[in-house]
């Protein structure tokens, strides 16, 4: 949110790590699977590309395949385009199975622009190869392990979303109820949910102020017309908290 996009390319400013990563595994993420290609500056368009299931078993198979390519001496990284929940879930699973992995989730707009500028044909294998090359060229920053404050905010917002969903369902259901005793139960539960959501709203605002980094980003979003502090705090986990 705080980073400015390059006006000519639409890409984020390159974030260089202290040590350049020479080997990249580009990951094209789908709902139930992911396609991976390897690039080290020498690989060509015919390099091996494999598809794995987005499951613990699938990720373990990928990690075994990765060992065949990644050098133990030269640093390597994994890069994937941000696809919201699916890329976040896959990155979390990879890190859970191997904490030593260097995983990056790059800006979807930047990656998309890069892919389109290099190839007119869009397929999972070609996207994976170009995402790997994107990592090699732009050296995207490693996905940070989130702080306890960020994880707390994420859980509060997630819980709020669940209660809002239930309340909406009960509110819609109330219109079709026939018996007064059921109507009273429905009304009582909705009232209780409203109170709990109100409590969560307060806790979300408080939690969003516990970290200087979170607070700075949320205050920036809060400057957008029509976006209040609570709304910004609820939006923040969707944009920034992946793990």
C-alpha atoms as a PDB file:
ATOM      1  CA  UNK A   1       0.000   0.000   0.000  1.00  0.00           C
ATOM      2  CA  UNK A   2       2.814   2.358   0.889  1.00  0.00           C
ATOM      3  CA  UNK A   3       4.950   1.376  -2.114  1.00  0.00           C
ATOM      4  CA  UNK A   4       4.551   3.392  -5.307  1.00  0.00           C
ATOM      5  CA  UNK A   5       4.209   1.610  -8.638  1.00  0.00           C
ATOM      6  CA  UNK A   6       6.569   2.470 -11.457  1.00  0.00           C
ATOM      7  CA  UNK A   7       4.542   4.725 -13.763  1.00  0.00           C
ATOM      8  CA  UNK A   8       6.014   3.221 -16.941  1.00  0.00           C
ATOM      9  CA  UNK A   9       5.913  -0.493 -16.120  1.00  0.00           C
ATOM     10  CA  UNK A  10       3.230  -0.731 -13.458  1.00  0.00           C
ATOM     11  CA  UNK A  11       5.697  -2.709 -11.341  1.00  0.00           C
ATOM     12  CA  UNK A  12       6.727  -2.184  -7.757  1.00  0.00           C
ATOM     13  CA  UNK A  13      10.218  -0.839  -7.099  1.00  0.00           C
ATOM     14  CA  UNK A  14      12.702  -3.692  -7.057  1.00  0.00           C
ATOM     15  CA  UNK A  15      13.437  -4.878  -3.537  1.00  0.00           C
ATOM     16  CA  UNK A  16      16.968  -6.208  -3.384  1.00  0.00           C
ATOM     17  CA  UNK A  17      17.903  -8.612  -0.633  1.00  0.00           C
ATOM     18  CA  UNK A  18      21.343  -8.536   0.965  1.00  0.00           C
ATOM     19  CA  UNK A  19      22.281 -11.636  -1.030  1.00  0.00           C
ATOM     20  CA  UNK A  20      21.194 -12.069  -4.627  1.00  0.00           C
ATOM     21  CA  UNK A  21      19.108 -15.182  -5.282  1.00  0.00           C
ATOM     22  CA  UNK A  22      20.338 -16.948  -8.417  1.00  0.00           C
ATOM     23  CA  UNK A  23      17.947 -19.894  -8.555  1.00  0.00           C
ATOM     24  CA  UNK A  24      14.181 -19.412  -8.684  1.00  0.00           C
ATOM     25  CA  UNK A  25      11.222 -21.753  -8.683  1.00  0.00           C
ATOM     26  CA  UNK A  26       8.295 -19.980 -10.339  1.00  0.00           C
ATOM     27  CA  UNK A  27       4.879 -21.114  -9.113  1.00  0.00           C
ATOM     28  CA  UNK A  28       1.642 -20.608 -11.035  1.00  0.00           C
ATOM     29  CA  UNK A  29      -1.122 -21.126  -8.443  1.00  0.00           C
ATOM     30  CA  UNK A  30      -4.580 -22.526  -9.157  1.00  0.00           C
ATOM     31  CA  UNK A  31      -7.408 -23.460  -6.817  1.00  0.00           C
ATOM     32  CA  UNK A  32      -6.410 -27.094  -6.216  1.00  0.00           C
ATOM     33  CA  UNK A  33      -2.960 -27.321  -7.788  1.00  0.00           C
ATOM     34  CA  UNK A  34       0.194 -25.414  -8.660  1.00  0.00           C
ATOM     35  CA  UNK A  35       2.580 -25.566 -11.619  1.00  0.00           C
ATOM     36  CA  UNK A  36       6.309 -25.058 -11.045  1.00  0.00           C
ATOM     37  CA  UNK A  37       9.252 -24.168 -13.285  1.00  0.00           C
ATOM     38  CA  UNK A  38      12.938 -23.658 -12.460  1.00  0.00           C
ATOM     39  CA  UNK A  39      15.106 -20.785 -13.712  1.00  0.00           C
ATOM     40  CA  UNK A  40      18.720 -19.956 -12.909  1.00  0.00           C
ATOM     41  CA  UNK A  41      19.599 -17.551 -15.697  1.00  0.00           C
ATOM     42  CA  UNK A  42      20.633 -20.417 -17.958  1.00  0.00           C
ATOM     43  CA  UNK A  43      17.465 -22.494 -18.314  1.00  0.00           C
ATOM     44  CA  UNK A  44      15.562 -22.156 -21.582  1.00  0.00           C
ATOM     45  CA  UNK A  45      11.920 -22.390 -22.606  1.00  0.00           C
ATOM     46  CA  UNK A  46      12.098 -26.188 -22.775  1.00  0.00           C
ATOM     47  CA  UNK A  47      13.042 -26.594 -19.103  1.00  0.00           C
ATOM     48  CA  UNK A  48      11.052 -29.102 -17.061  1.00  0.00           C
ATOM     49  CA  UNK A  49       7.703 -27.951 -15.665  1.00  0.00           C
ATOM     50  CA  UNK A  50       5.649 -30.043 -13.261  1.00  0.00           C
ATOM     51  CA  UNK A  51       2.188 -29.782 -11.720  1.00  0.00           C
ATOM     52  CA  UNK A  52       1.438 -30.684  -8.098  1.00  0.00           C
ATOM     53  CA  UNK A  53      -1.679 -30.883  -5.945  1.00  0.00           C
ATOM     54  CA  UNK A  54      -2.080 -28.110  -3.346  1.00  0.00           C
ATOM     55  CA  UNK A  55      -2.062 -30.653  -0.540  1.00  0.00           C
ATOM     56  CA  UNK A  56       0.575 -31.700   2.008  1.00  0.00           C
ATOM     57  CA  UNK A  57       1.348 -34.739  -0.161  1.00  0.00           C
ATOM     58  CA  UNK A  58       1.612 -32.581  -3.281  1.00  0.00           C
ATOM     59  CA  UNK A  59       3.892 -30.041  -1.601  1.00  0.00           C
ATOM     60  CA  UNK A  60       6.124 -32.855  -0.291  1.00  0.00           C
ATOM     61  CA  UNK A  61       6.429 -34.147  -3.870  1.00  0.00           C
ATOM     62  CA  UNK A  62       7.383 -30.647  -5.000  1.00  0.00           C
ATOM     63  CA  UNK A  63      10.019 -30.344  -2.262  1.00  0.00           C
ATOM     64  CA  UNK A  64      11.557 -33.651  -3.376  1.00  0.00           C
ATOM     65  CA  UNK A  65      11.607 -32.435  -6.995  1.00  0.00           C
ATOM     66  CA  UNK A  66      13.098 -29.125  -5.873  1.00  0.00           C
ATOM     67  CA  UNK A  67      16.102 -30.868  -4.321  1.00  0.00           C
ATOM     68  CA  UNK A  68      17.064 -32.200  -7.751  1.00  0.00           C
ATOM     69  CA  UNK A  69      17.477 -28.648  -9.064  1.00  0.00           C
ATOM     70  CA  UNK A  70      18.416 -26.411  -6.151  1.00  0.00           C
ATOM     71  CA  UNK A  71      22.099 -26.182  -5.339  1.00  0.00           C
ATOM     72  CA  UNK A  72      23.072 -26.409  -1.682  1.00  0.00           C
ATOM     73  CA  UNK A  73      25.693 -23.724  -2.270  1.00  0.00           C
ATOM     74  CA  UNK A  74      23.797 -21.163  -4.382  1.00  0.00           C
ATOM     75  CA  UNK A  75      20.791 -19.443  -2.720  1.00  0.00           C
ATOM     76  CA  UNK A  76      17.395 -20.333  -4.177  1.00  0.00           C
ATOM     77  CA  UNK A  77      13.924 -18.881  -3.811  1.00  0.00           C
ATOM     78  CA  UNK A  78      10.297 -19.698  -4.546  1.00  0.00           C
ATOM     79  CA  UNK A  79       8.136 -16.998  -6.100  1.00  0.00           C
ATOM     80  CA  UNK A  80       4.426 -16.981  -6.831  1.00  0.00           C
ATOM     81  CA  UNK A  81       1.933 -14.419  -8.043  1.00  0.00           C
ATOM     82  CA  UNK A  82      -0.520 -13.218  -5.410  1.00  0.00           C
ATOM     83  CA  UNK A  83      -3.880 -14.935  -5.855  1.00  0.00           C
ATOM     84  CA  UNK A  84      -5.248 -14.066  -2.431  1.00  0.00           C
ATOM     85  CA  UNK A  85      -6.266 -17.062  -0.343  1.00  0.00           C
ATOM     86  CA  UNK A  86      -4.831 -19.742  -2.659  1.00  0.00           C
ATOM     87  CA  UNK A  87      -1.295 -18.337  -2.834  1.00  0.00           C
ATOM     88  CA  UNK A  88      -1.353 -17.545   0.898  1.00  0.00           C
ATOM     89  CA  UNK A  89      -2.497 -21.077   1.731  1.00  0.00           C
ATOM     90  CA  UNK A  90       0.161 -22.659  -0.480  1.00  0.00           C
ATOM     91  CA  UNK A  91       2.951 -20.449   0.890  1.00  0.00           C
ATOM     92  CA  UNK A  92       1.908 -21.291   4.442  1.00  0.00           C
ATOM     93  CA  UNK A  93       1.909 -25.016   3.680  1.00  0.00           C
ATOM     94  CA  UNK A  94       5.353 -24.840   2.067  1.00  0.00           C
ATOM     95  CA  UNK A  95       6.790 -22.964   5.035  1.00  0.00           C
ATOM     96  CA  UNK A  96       5.151 -25.361   7.456  1.00  0.00           C
ATOM     97  CA  UNK A  97       6.821 -28.353   5.794  1.00  0.00           C
ATOM     98  CA  UNK A  98      10.191 -26.636   5.365  1.00  0.00           C
ATOM     99  CA  UNK A  99      10.976 -23.534   7.429  1.00  0.00           C
ATOM    100  CA  UNK A 100      14.227 -22.978   5.523  1.00  0.00           C
ATOM    101  CA  UNK A 101      12.398 -22.089   2.293  1.00  0.00           C
ATOM    102  CA  UNK A 102      12.676 -18.557   0.969  1.00  0.00           C
ATOM    103  CA  UNK A 103       9.172 -17.802  -0.328  1.00  0.00           C
ATOM    104  CA  UNK A 104       8.024 -14.619  -2.069  1.00  0.00           C
ATOM    105  CA  UNK A 105       4.506 -13.602  -3.060  1.00  0.00           C
ATOM    106  CA  UNK A 106       4.757 -10.906  -5.714  1.00  0.00           C
ATOM    107  CA  UNK A 107       2.317  -8.202  -6.692  1.00  0.00           C
ATOM    108  CA  UNK A 108      -0.260  -9.645  -9.112  1.00  0.00           C
ATOM    109  CA  UNK A 109      -0.245  -6.564 -11.332  1.00  0.00           C
ATOM    110  CA  UNK A 110       3.546  -6.539 -11.636  1.00  0.00           C
ATOM    111  CA  UNK A 111       3.747 -10.243 -12.436  1.00  0.00           C
ATOM    112  CA  UNK A 112       0.876 -10.031 -14.929  1.00  0.00           C
ATOM    113  CA  UNK A 113       2.515  -7.108 -16.744  1.00  0.00           C
ATOM    114  CA  UNK A 114       5.816  -8.994 -16.888  1.00  0.00           C
ATOM    115  CA  UNK A 115       4.191 -12.165 -18.261  1.00  0.00           C
ATOM    116  CA  UNK A 116       2.205 -10.287 -20.919  1.00  0.00           C
ATOM    117  CA  UNK A 117       5.309  -8.363 -22.019  1.00  0.00           C
ATOM    118  CA  UNK A 118       7.191 -11.611 -22.668  1.00  0.00           C
ATOM    119  CA  UNK A 119       4.559 -13.954 -24.082  1.00  0.00           C
ATOM    120  CA  UNK A 120       1.270 -13.673 -25.938  1.00  0.00           C
ATOM    121  CA  UNK A 121       0.346 -17.292 -25.207  1.00  0.00           C
ATOM    122  CA  UNK A 122      -0.872 -17.817 -21.669  1.00  0.00           C
ATOM    123  CA  UNK A 123      -0.603 -21.346 -20.268  1.00  0.00           C
ATOM    124  CA  UNK A 124       0.213 -22.660 -16.810  1.00  0.00           C
ATOM    125  CA  UNK A 125       3.689 -23.904 -17.859  1.00  0.00           C
ATOM    126  CA  UNK A 126       4.602 -20.666 -19.653  1.00  0.00           C
ATOM    127  CA  UNK A 127       3.332 -18.582 -16.723  1.00  0.00           C
ATOM    128  CA  UNK A 128       5.382 -20.670 -14.276  1.00  0.00           C
ATOM    129  CA  UNK A 129       8.536 -20.194 -16.371  1.00  0.00           C
ATOM    130  CA  UNK A 130       8.004 -16.437 -16.613  1.00  0.00           C
ATOM    131  CA  UNK A 131       7.205 -16.102 -12.906  1.00  0.00           C
ATOM    132  CA  UNK A 132      10.528 -17.842 -12.205  1.00  0.00           C
ATOM    133  CA  UNK A 133      12.273 -15.375 -14.518  1.00  0.00           C
ATOM    134  CA  UNK A 134      10.433 -12.536 -12.790  1.00  0.00           C
ATOM    135  CA  UNK A 135      11.965 -13.676  -9.503  1.00  0.00           C
ATOM    136  CA  UNK A 136      15.419 -13.821 -11.089  1.00  0.00           C
ATOM    137  CA  UNK A 137      15.100 -10.346 -12.635  1.00  0.00           C
ATOM    138  CA  UNK A 138      13.381  -8.457  -9.817  1.00  0.00           C
ATOM    139  CA  UNK A 139      14.529 -10.319  -6.684  1.00  0.00           C
ATOM    140  CA  UNK A 140      11.206  -9.926  -4.797  1.00  0.00           C
ATOM    141  CA  UNK A 141      11.383  -9.628  -1.023  1.00  0.00           C
ATOM    142  CA  UNK A 142      10.994 -12.712   1.119  1.00  0.00           C
ATOM    143  CA  UNK A 143       7.589 -13.225   2.694  1.00  0.00           C
ATOM    144  CA  UNK A 144       7.925 -12.234   6.320  1.00  0.00           C
ATOM    145  CA  UNK A 145       6.808 -14.376   9.219  1.00  0.00           C
ATOM    146  CA  UNK A 146       3.971 -12.369  10.691  1.00  0.00           C
ATOM    147  CA  UNK A 147       4.085 -11.026  14.222  1.00  0.00           C
ATOM    148  CA  UNK A 148       1.733 -12.139  16.986  1.00  0.00           C
ATOM    149  CA  UNK A 149      -0.021  -8.744  16.704  1.00  0.00           C
ATOM    150  CA  UNK A 150      -0.696  -9.306  12.993  1.00  0.00           C
ATOM    151  CA  UNK A 151      -1.900 -12.855  13.579  1.00  0.00           C
ATOM    152  CA  UNK A 152      -4.220 -11.633  16.343  1.00  0.00           C
ATOM    153  CA  UNK A 153      -5.731  -9.021  14.024  1.00  0.00           C
ATOM    154  CA  UNK A 154      -6.157 -11.658  11.322  1.00  0.00           C
ATOM    155  CA  UNK A 155      -8.057 -13.980  13.689  1.00  0.00           C
ATOM    156  CA  UNK A 156     -10.256 -11.181  15.042  1.00  0.00           C
ATOM    157  CA  UNK A 157     -11.216 -10.102  11.520  1.00  0.00           C
ATOM    158  CA  UNK A 158     -11.811 -13.722  10.489  1.00  0.00           C
ATOM    159  CA  UNK A 159     -14.074 -14.328  13.494  1.00  0.00           C
ATOM    160  CA  UNK A 160     -15.986 -11.120  12.797  1.00  0.00           C
ATOM    161  CA  UNK A 161     -16.565 -12.256   9.219  1.00  0.00           C
ATOM    162  CA  UNK A 162     -18.028 -15.552  10.409  1.00  0.00           C
ATOM    163  CA  UNK A 163     -20.443 -13.852  12.807  1.00  0.00           C
ATOM    164  CA  UNK A 164     -21.537 -11.322  10.182  1.00  0.00           C
ATOM    165  CA  UNK A 165     -22.232 -14.190   7.775  1.00  0.00           C
ATOM    166  CA  UNK A 166     -24.347 -16.051  10.350  1.00  0.00           C
ATOM    167  CA  UNK A 167     -26.231 -12.889  11.291  1.00  0.00           C
ATOM    168  CA  UNK A 168     -27.005 -12.143   7.638  1.00  0.00           C
ATOM    169  CA  UNK A 169     -28.281 -15.683   7.140  1.00  0.00           C
ATOM    170  CA  UNK A 170     -30.555 -15.487  10.207  1.00  0.00           C
ATOM    171  CA  UNK A 171     -31.814 -12.042   9.197  1.00  0.00           C
ATOM    172  CA  UNK A 172     -32.781 -13.336   5.760  1.00  0.00           C
ATOM    173  CA  UNK A 173     -34.349 -16.428   7.306  1.00  0.00           C
ATOM    174  CA  UNK A 174     -36.506 -14.292   9.623  1.00  0.00           C
ATOM    175  CA  UNK A 175     -38.600 -13.152   6.675  1.00  0.00           C
ATOM    176  CA  UNK A 176     -39.877 -16.680   6.088  1.00  0.00           C
ATOM    177  CA  UNK A 177     -40.579 -17.678   9.711  1.00  0.00           C
ATOM    178  CA  UNK A 178     -44.189 -18.462  10.573  1.00  0.00           C
ATOM    179  CA  UNK A 179     -44.351 -19.082  14.341  1.00  0.00           C
ATOM    180  CA  UNK A 180     -43.850 -16.299  16.887  1.00  0.00           C
ATOM    181  CA  UNK A 181     -41.776 -18.408  19.290  1.00  0.00           C
ATOM    182  CA  UNK A 182     -39.258 -19.148  16.520  1.00  0.00           C
ATOM    183  CA  UNK A 183     -39.267 -15.471  15.558  1.00  0.00           C
ATOM    184  CA  UNK A 184     -38.342 -14.560  19.138  1.00  0.00           C
ATOM    185  CA  UNK A 185     -35.458 -17.039  19.181  1.00  0.00           C
ATOM    186  CA  UNK A 186     -34.240 -15.716  15.846  1.00  0.00           C
ATOM    187  CA  UNK A 187     -34.463 -12.121  17.078  1.00  0.00           C
ATOM    188  CA  UNK A 188     -32.660 -12.965  20.315  1.00  0.00           C
ATOM    189  CA  UNK A 189     -29.775 -14.707  18.528  1.00  0.00           C
ATOM    190  CA  UNK A 190     -29.421 -11.834  16.048  1.00  0.00           C
ATOM    191  CA  UNK A 191     -29.304  -9.370  18.955  1.00  0.00           C
ATOM    192  CA  UNK A 192     -26.603 -11.419  20.678  1.00  0.00           C
ATOM    193  CA  UNK A 193     -24.577 -11.592  17.467  1.00  0.00           C
ATOM    194  CA  UNK A 194     -24.813  -7.823  17.020  1.00  0.00           C
ATOM    195  CA  UNK A 195     -23.374  -7.327  20.510  1.00  0.00           C
ATOM    196  CA  UNK A 196     -20.515  -9.745  19.845  1.00  0.00           C
ATOM    197  CA  UNK A 197     -19.739  -8.088  16.515  1.00  0.00           C
ATOM    198  CA  UNK A 198     -19.690  -4.724  18.257  1.00  0.00           C
ATOM    199  CA  UNK A 199     -17.217  -6.110  20.814  1.00  0.00           C
ATOM    200  CA  UNK A 200     -15.061  -7.512  18.013  1.00  0.00           C
ATOM    201  CA  UNK A 201     -15.117  -4.143  16.216  1.00  0.00           C
ATOM    202  CA  UNK A 202     -13.610  -2.525  19.305  1.00  0.00           C
ATOM    203  CA  UNK A 203     -11.001  -5.269  19.689  1.00  0.00           C
ATOM    204  CA  UNK A 204     -10.063  -5.002  15.994  1.00  0.00           C
ATOM    205  CA  UNK A 205      -9.420  -1.271  16.291  1.00  0.00           C
ATOM    206  CA  UNK A 206      -7.361  -1.823  19.433  1.00  0.00           C
ATOM    207  CA  UNK A 207      -5.378  -4.693  17.896  1.00  0.00           C
ATOM    208  CA  UNK A 208      -4.650  -2.667  14.763  1.00  0.00           C
ATOM    209  CA  UNK A 209      -2.833  -0.108  16.915  1.00  0.00           C
ATOM    210  CA  UNK A 210      -0.508  -2.596  18.640  1.00  0.00           C
ATOM    211  CA  UNK A 211       2.053  -2.691  15.820  1.00  0.00           C
ATOM    212  CA  UNK A 212       3.757   0.400  14.374  1.00  0.00           C
ATOM    213  CA  UNK A 213       3.901  -1.197  10.913  1.00  0.00           C
ATOM    214  CA  UNK A 214       0.215  -2.163  10.920  1.00  0.00           C
ATOM    215  CA  UNK A 215      -0.826   1.164  12.356  1.00  0.00           C
ATOM    216  CA  UNK A 216       1.086   3.082   9.663  1.00  0.00           C
ATOM    217  CA  UNK A 217      -0.491   1.107   6.811  1.00  0.00           C
ATOM    218  CA  UNK A 218      -3.982   1.320   8.309  1.00  0.00           C
ATOM    219  CA  UNK A 219      -3.678   5.051   8.916  1.00  0.00           C
ATOM    220  CA  UNK A 220      -2.670   5.427   5.263  1.00  0.00           C
ATOM    221  CA  UNK A 221      -5.772   3.526   4.124  1.00  0.00           C
ATOM    222  CA  UNK A 222      -7.833   5.590   6.562  1.00  0.00           C
ATOM    223  CA  UNK A 223      -6.953   8.716   4.554  1.00  0.00           C
ATOM    224  CA  UNK A 224      -8.926   7.380   1.568  1.00  0.00           C
ATOM    225  CA  UNK A 225     -12.360   9.086   1.462  1.00  0.00           C
ATOM    226  CA  UNK A 226     -15.093   6.771   2.727  1.00  0.00           C
ATOM    227  CA  UNK A 227     -12.691   4.358   4.449  1.00  0.00           C
ATOM    228  CA  UNK A 228     -13.027   4.564   8.240  1.00  0.00           C
ATOM    229  CA  UNK A 229     -10.515   3.204  10.746  1.00  0.00           C
ATOM    230  CA  UNK A 230     -12.518   0.018  11.361  1.00  0.00           C
ATOM    231  CA  UNK A 231     -12.961  -0.638   7.638  1.00  0.00           C
ATOM    232  CA  UNK A 232      -9.241  -0.117   7.041  1.00  0.00           C
ATOM    233  CA  UNK A 233      -8.380  -2.479   9.908  1.00  0.00           C
ATOM    234  CA  UNK A 234     -10.713  -5.136   8.484  1.00  0.00           C
ATOM    235  CA  UNK A 235      -9.263  -4.748   4.968  1.00  0.00           C
ATOM    236  CA  UNK A 236      -5.629  -4.832   6.127  1.00  0.00           C
ATOM    237  CA  UNK A 237      -5.365  -8.611   6.835  1.00  0.00           C
ATOM    238  CA  UNK A 238      -6.738  -9.398   3.368  1.00  0.00           C
ATOM    239  CA  UNK A 239      -4.027  -7.296   1.731  1.00  0.00           C
ATOM    240  CA  UNK A 240      -0.994  -7.841   3.943  1.00  0.00           C
ATOM    241  CA  UNK A 241      -1.328 -10.831   6.259  1.00  0.00           C
ATOM    242  CA  UNK A 242      -0.725 -14.083   4.416  1.00  0.00           C
ATOM    243  CA  UNK A 243       0.532 -16.429   7.112  1.00  0.00           C
END
